[in-house]
Amino acid sequence: MENSASTDGAVASPQGLDWTDSLNTGDARMDDTHHEFVTLLNELLQTPPERQLPLYRAFIDHTVDHFAQEERWMVATGFAADNCHASHHATILETMRAVVEHFEQGDTDIINRLAEALAEWFPQHAASMDAGLALHLKDVGFDTRTETLADPAKVRPASMSGCGSVTCS
């Protein structure tokens, strides 16, 4: 895979994903979690295949927590649990889990292939769905550090089914 710049300026390569300000969503806690995701992704891509599986399992665990955090925020601020943003998360996690079995069956390059694909996918996801979610959280007065709403009357539980993106309602 050659280096490729996403539309937002982040650069993915076989060595990983360069963190740039374009990956910031506007929410500090979300950005911290995203930075951890990118760091683990890059570490995975720089690890020899024969030593990747334990690190990959830790990366899956991080991603489960990362996505659950965002989904918890969505539900707390009025998104239906089955919104399209959460559906994207579910698809990514399903794929990540399937990779373990393929790796154990001898496809030792599959972790690298998936990690490279995630390095391509993540900048667009962060710039659209996650940045949209961050904007929504700010608009409704949700504090991601304390996971509280300044005014709970501003949202109705599970009232929206969108993806948390400015391009999806």
C-alpha atoms as a PDB file:
ATOM      1  CA  MET A   1       0.000   0.000   0.000  1.00  0.00           C
ATOM      2  CA  GLU A   2       1.331   3.401  -0.899  1.00  0.00           C
ATOM      3  CA  ASN A   3       0.968   6.465   1.271  1.00  0.00           C
ATOM      4  CA  SER A   4      -2.420   8.028   0.800  1.00  0.00           C
ATOM      5  CA  ALA A   5      -3.741  11.296   2.111  1.00  0.00           C
ATOM      6  CA  SER A   6      -7.329  11.316   3.218  1.00  0.00           C
ATOM      7  CA  THR A   7      -9.544  14.258   2.399  1.00  0.00           C
ATOM      8  CA  ASP A   8      -8.811  15.717   5.831  1.00  0.00           C
ATOM      9  CA  GLY A   9      -5.006  15.686   5.685  1.00  0.00           C
ATOM     10  CA  ALA A  10      -4.186  12.569   7.725  1.00  0.00           C
ATOM     11  CA  VAL A  11      -1.769  10.257   5.912  1.00  0.00           C
ATOM     12  CA  ALA A  12      -2.068   6.462   6.007  1.00  0.00           C
ATOM     13  CA  SER A  13       0.862   4.238   5.062  1.00  0.00           C
ATOM     14  CA  PRO A  14       1.981   0.649   5.713  1.00  0.00           C
ATOM     15  CA  GLN A  15       3.739   2.027   8.801  1.00  0.00           C
ATOM     16  CA  GLY A  16       0.501   3.461  10.156  1.00  0.00           C
ATOM     17  CA  LEU A  17      -1.456   6.661  10.322  1.00  0.00           C
ATOM     18  CA  ASP A  18       0.155  10.030  10.937  1.00  0.00           C
ATOM     19  CA  TRP A  19      -1.714  11.917  13.656  1.00  0.00           C
ATOM     20  CA  THR A  20      -2.571  15.378  12.446  1.00  0.00           C
ATOM     21  CA  ASP A  21      -4.822  18.111  13.812  1.00  0.00           C
ATOM     22  CA  SER A  22      -7.311  17.108  11.126  1.00  0.00           C
ATOM     23  CA  LEU A  23      -8.118  14.025  13.232  1.00  0.00           C
ATOM     24  CA  ASN A  24      -9.311  16.186  16.134  1.00  0.00           C
ATOM     25  CA  THR A  25     -13.087  16.172  16.528  1.00  0.00           C
ATOM     26  CA  GLY A  26     -13.478  19.110  18.889  1.00  0.00           C
ATOM     27  CA  ASP A  27     -14.113  16.965  21.964  1.00  0.00           C
ATOM     28  CA  ALA A  28     -11.020  16.432  24.139  1.00  0.00           C
ATOM     29  CA  ARG A  29     -12.056  13.061  25.593  1.00  0.00           C
ATOM     30  CA  MET A  30     -13.017  11.677  22.184  1.00  0.00           C
ATOM     31  CA  ASP A  31      -9.743  12.967  20.748  1.00  0.00           C
ATOM     32  CA  ASP A  32      -7.764  11.320  23.570  1.00  0.00           C
ATOM     33  CA  THR A  33      -9.455   7.997  22.808  1.00  0.00           C
ATOM     34  CA  HIS A  34      -8.809   8.440  19.094  1.00  0.00           C
ATOM     35  CA  HIS A  35      -5.156   9.209  19.753  1.00  0.00           C
ATOM     36  CA  GLU A  36      -4.882   5.957  21.730  1.00  0.00           C
ATOM     37  CA  PHE A  37      -6.549   4.106  18.824  1.00  0.00           C
ATOM     38  CA  VAL A  38      -4.037   5.536  16.328  1.00  0.00           C
ATOM     39  CA  THR A  39      -1.092   4.805  18.631  1.00  0.00           C
ATOM     40  CA  LEU A  40      -2.156   1.158  19.055  1.00  0.00           C
ATOM     41  CA  LEU A  41      -2.829   0.832  15.324  1.00  0.00           C
ATOM     42  CA  ASN A  42       0.639   2.141  14.499  1.00  0.00           C
ATOM     43  CA  GLU A  43       2.274  -0.103  17.083  1.00  0.00           C
ATOM     44  CA  LEU A  44       0.474  -3.081  15.580  1.00  0.00           C
ATOM     45  CA  LEU A  45       1.685  -2.241  12.066  1.00  0.00           C
ATOM     46  CA  GLN A  46       5.270  -1.959  13.299  1.00  0.00           C
ATOM     47  CA  THR A  47       5.205  -5.330  15.080  1.00  0.00           C
ATOM     48  CA  PRO A  48       6.384  -8.474  13.277  1.00  0.00           C
ATOM     49  CA  PRO A  49       3.454 -10.786  12.385  1.00  0.00           C
ATOM     50  CA  GLU A  50       4.622 -13.562  14.690  1.00  0.00           C
ATOM     51  CA  ARG A  51       4.267 -11.196  17.681  1.00  0.00           C
ATOM     52  CA  GLN A  52       1.078  -9.371  16.642  1.00  0.00           C
ATOM     53  CA  LEU A  53      -1.723 -11.522  18.056  1.00  0.00           C
ATOM     54  CA  PRO A  54      -1.498 -10.453  21.751  1.00  0.00           C
ATOM     55  CA  LEU A  55      -1.212  -6.796  20.729  1.00  0.00           C
ATOM     56  CA  TYR A  56      -4.079  -7.237  18.249  1.00  0.00           C
ATOM     57  CA  ARG A  57      -6.288  -8.688  20.982  1.00  0.00           C
ATOM     58  CA  ALA A  58      -5.498  -5.629  23.144  1.00  0.00           C
ATOM     59  CA  PHE A  59      -6.343  -3.408  20.153  1.00  0.00           C
ATOM     60  CA  ILE A  60      -9.709  -5.156  19.823  1.00  0.00           C
ATOM     61  CA  ASP A  61     -10.368  -4.620  23.545  1.00  0.00           C
ATOM     62  CA  HIS A  62      -9.494  -0.931  23.189  1.00  0.00           C
ATOM     63  CA  THR A  63     -11.770  -0.597  20.157  1.00  0.00           C
ATOM     64  CA  VAL A  64     -14.664  -2.297  21.967  1.00  0.00           C
ATOM     65  CA  ASP A  65     -14.297   0.232  24.813  1.00  0.00           C
ATOM     66  CA  HIS A  66     -13.797   3.131  22.368  1.00  0.00           C
ATOM     67  CA  PHE A  67     -16.961   2.345  20.415  1.00  0.00           C
ATOM     68  CA  ALA A  68     -18.989   1.575  23.556  1.00  0.00           C
ATOM     69  CA  GLN A  69     -17.996   4.974  24.951  1.00  0.00           C
ATOM     70  CA  GLU A  70     -19.279   6.804  21.868  1.00  0.00           C
ATOM     71  CA  GLU A  71     -22.448   4.702  21.767  1.00  0.00           C
ATOM     72  CA  ARG A  72     -23.109   5.413  25.458  1.00  0.00           C
ATOM     73  CA  TRP A  73     -22.858   9.120  24.662  1.00  0.00           C
ATOM     74  CA  MET A  74     -25.183   8.761  21.692  1.00  0.00           C
ATOM     75  CA  VAL A  75     -27.887   7.070  23.752  1.00  0.00           C
ATOM     76  CA  ALA A  76     -27.456   9.577  26.608  1.00  0.00           C
ATOM     77  CA  THR A  77     -28.003  12.454  24.183  1.00  0.00           C
ATOM     78  CA  GLY A  78     -30.964  11.115  22.251  1.00  0.00           C
ATOM     79  CA  PHE A  79     -29.694   8.730  19.589  1.00  0.00           C
ATOM     80  CA  ALA A  80     -31.495   5.429  19.092  1.00  0.00           C
ATOM     81  CA  ALA A  81     -29.242   2.495  19.972  1.00  0.00           C
ATOM     82  CA  ASP A  82     -29.435   1.144  16.390  1.00  0.00           C
ATOM     83  CA  ASN A  83     -28.297   4.333  14.610  1.00  0.00           C
ATOM     84  CA  CYS A  84     -26.021   4.143  11.546  1.00  0.00           C
ATOM     85  CA  HIS A  85     -22.916   5.341  13.441  1.00  0.00           C
ATOM     86  CA  ALA A  86     -23.265   2.442  15.877  1.00  0.00           C
ATOM     87  CA  SER A  87     -23.896   0.109  12.924  1.00  0.00           C
ATOM     88  CA  HIS A  88     -20.542   1.150  11.440  1.00  0.00           C
ATOM     89  CA  HIS A  89     -18.908   0.327  14.763  1.00  0.00           C
ATOM     90  CA  ALA A  90     -20.572  -3.104  14.845  1.00  0.00           C
ATOM     91  CA  THR A  91     -19.347  -3.909  11.334  1.00  0.00           C
ATOM     92  CA  ILE A  92     -15.777  -2.917  12.168  1.00  0.00           C
ATOM     93  CA  LEU A  93     -15.784  -4.988  15.376  1.00  0.00           C
ATOM     94  CA  GLU A  94     -17.251  -8.023  13.618  1.00  0.00           C
ATOM     95  CA  THR A  95     -14.484  -7.831  11.015  1.00  0.00           C
ATOM     96  CA  MET A  96     -11.793  -7.327  13.661  1.00  0.00           C
ATOM     97  CA  ARG A  97     -12.977 -10.397  15.578  1.00  0.00           C
ATOM     98  CA  ALA A  98     -13.057 -12.549  12.431  1.00  0.00           C
ATOM     99  CA  VAL A  99      -9.418 -11.694  11.763  1.00  0.00           C
ATOM    100  CA  VAL A 100      -8.300 -13.587  14.890  1.00  0.00           C
ATOM    101  CA  GLU A 101      -9.647 -16.890  13.559  1.00  0.00           C
ATOM    102  CA  HIS A 102      -8.054 -16.365  10.146  1.00  0.00           C
ATOM    103  CA  PHE A 103      -4.725 -15.494  11.775  1.00  0.00           C
ATOM    104  CA  GLU A 104      -4.873 -18.610  13.951  1.00  0.00           C
ATOM    105  CA  GLN A 105      -5.574 -20.691  10.825  1.00  0.00           C
ATOM    106  CA  GLY A 106      -2.310 -19.517   9.264  1.00  0.00           C
ATOM    107  CA  ASP A 107      -3.087 -16.253   7.450  1.00  0.00           C
ATOM    108  CA  THR A 108      -0.395 -14.376   9.344  1.00  0.00           C
ATOM    109  CA  ASP A 109      -0.582 -11.290   7.127  1.00  0.00           C
ATOM    110  CA  ILE A 110      -4.281 -10.671   7.798  1.00  0.00           C
ATOM    111  CA  ILE A 111      -3.690  -8.451  10.835  1.00  0.00           C
ATOM    112  CA  ASN A 112      -1.490  -6.155   8.755  1.00  0.00           C
ATOM    113  CA  ARG A 113      -4.070  -6.034   5.960  1.00  0.00           C
ATOM    114  CA  LEU A 114      -6.857  -5.113   8.357  1.00  0.00           C
ATOM    115  CA  ALA A 115      -4.706  -2.558  10.194  1.00  0.00           C
ATOM    116  CA  GLU A 116      -3.819  -0.905   6.875  1.00  0.00           C
ATOM    117  CA  ALA A 117      -7.524  -0.817   5.970  1.00  0.00           C
ATOM    118  CA  LEU A 118      -8.341   0.750   9.355  1.00  0.00           C
ATOM    119  CA  ALA A 119      -5.648   3.384   8.778  1.00  0.00           C
ATOM    120  CA  GLU A 120      -7.469   4.258   5.545  1.00  0.00           C
ATOM    121  CA  TRP A 121     -10.968   4.135   7.112  1.00  0.00           C
ATOM    122  CA  PHE A 122     -10.397   5.976  10.371  1.00  0.00           C
ATOM    123  CA  PRO A 123      -9.672   9.533   9.148  1.00  0.00           C
ATOM    124  CA  GLN A 124     -12.935   9.717   7.204  1.00  0.00           C
ATOM    125  CA  HIS A 125     -14.916   8.182  10.072  1.00  0.00           C
ATOM    126  CA  ALA A 126     -13.396  10.651  12.549  1.00  0.00           C
ATOM    127  CA  ALA A 127     -13.948  13.629  10.236  1.00  0.00           C
ATOM    128  CA  SER A 128     -17.558  12.791   9.480  1.00  0.00           C
ATOM    129  CA  MET A 129     -19.360  10.633  12.023  1.00  0.00           C
ATOM    130  CA  ASP A 130     -17.213  11.359  15.066  1.00  0.00           C
ATOM    131  CA  ALA A 131     -16.843  15.093  14.397  1.00  0.00           C
ATOM    132  CA  GLY A 132     -20.596  15.237  13.840  1.00  0.00           C
ATOM    133  CA  LEU A 133     -21.176  13.435  17.115  1.00  0.00           C
ATOM    134  CA  ALA A 134     -18.789  15.812  18.898  1.00  0.00           C
ATOM    135  CA  LEU A 135     -20.721  18.782  17.506  1.00  0.00           C
ATOM    136  CA  HIS A 136     -24.013  17.240  18.605  1.00  0.00           C
ATOM    137  CA  LEU A 137     -22.635  16.604  22.103  1.00  0.00           C
ATOM    138  CA  LYS A 138     -21.542  20.232  22.350  1.00  0.00           C
ATOM    139  CA  ASP A 139     -24.885  21.476  21.028  1.00  0.00           C
ATOM    140  CA  VAL A 140     -26.851  19.565  23.683  1.00  0.00           C
ATOM    141  CA  GLY A 141     -24.424  20.460  26.486  1.00  0.00           C
ATOM    142  CA  PHE A 142     -23.056  16.959  27.114  1.00  0.00           C
ATOM    143  CA  ASP A 143     -19.796  16.805  29.073  1.00  0.00           C
ATOM    144  CA  THR A 144     -17.876  13.727  27.928  1.00  0.00           C
ATOM    145  CA  ARG A 145     -15.521  13.847  30.945  1.00  0.00           C
ATOM    146  CA  THR A 146     -18.370  13.530  33.452  1.00  0.00           C
ATOM    147  CA  GLU A 147     -20.868  11.991  30.998  1.00  0.00           C
ATOM    148  CA  THR A 148     -23.567  14.397  32.122  1.00  0.00           C
ATOM    149  CA  LEU A 149     -25.957  16.760  30.399  1.00  0.00           C
ATOM    150  CA  ALA A 150     -26.038  20.371  31.548  1.00  0.00           C
ATOM    151  CA  ASP A 151     -29.792  20.404  30.859  1.00  0.00           C
ATOM    152  CA  PRO A 152     -31.337  16.922  30.467  1.00  0.00           C
ATOM    153  CA  ALA A 153     -34.531  18.536  29.158  1.00  0.00           C
ATOM    154  CA  LYS A 154     -32.653  19.454  25.944  1.00  0.00           C
ATOM    155  CA  VAL A 155     -32.869  15.869  24.627  1.00  0.00           C
ATOM    156  CA  ARG A 156     -35.375  13.072  24.612  1.00  0.00           C
ATOM    157  CA  PRO A 157     -33.961   9.560  25.060  1.00  0.00           C
ATOM    158  CA  ALA A 158     -33.560   7.638  21.788  1.00  0.00           C
ATOM    159  CA  SER A 159     -35.231  10.385  19.766  1.00  0.00           C
ATOM    160  CA  MET A 160     -32.733  10.365  16.868  1.00  0.00           C
ATOM    161  CA  SER A 161     -31.687   7.557  14.581  1.00  0.00           C
ATOM    162  CA  GLY A 162     -28.925   9.346  12.656  1.00  0.00           C
ATOM    163  CA  CYS A 163     -25.225   8.619  12.650  1.00  0.00           C
ATOM    164  CA  GLY A 164     -23.895  11.653  14.498  1.00  0.00           C
ATOM    165  CA  SER A 165     -22.668  13.185  11.287  1.00  0.00           C
ATOM    166  CA  VAL A 166     -23.471  16.464   9.642  1.00  0.00           C
ATOM    167  CA  THR A 167     -24.182  14.437   6.475  1.00  0.00           C
ATOM    168  CA  CYS A 168     -26.621  12.013   8.065  1.00  0.00           C
ATOM    169  CA  SER A 169     -29.817  12.711   9.983  1.00  0.00           C
END
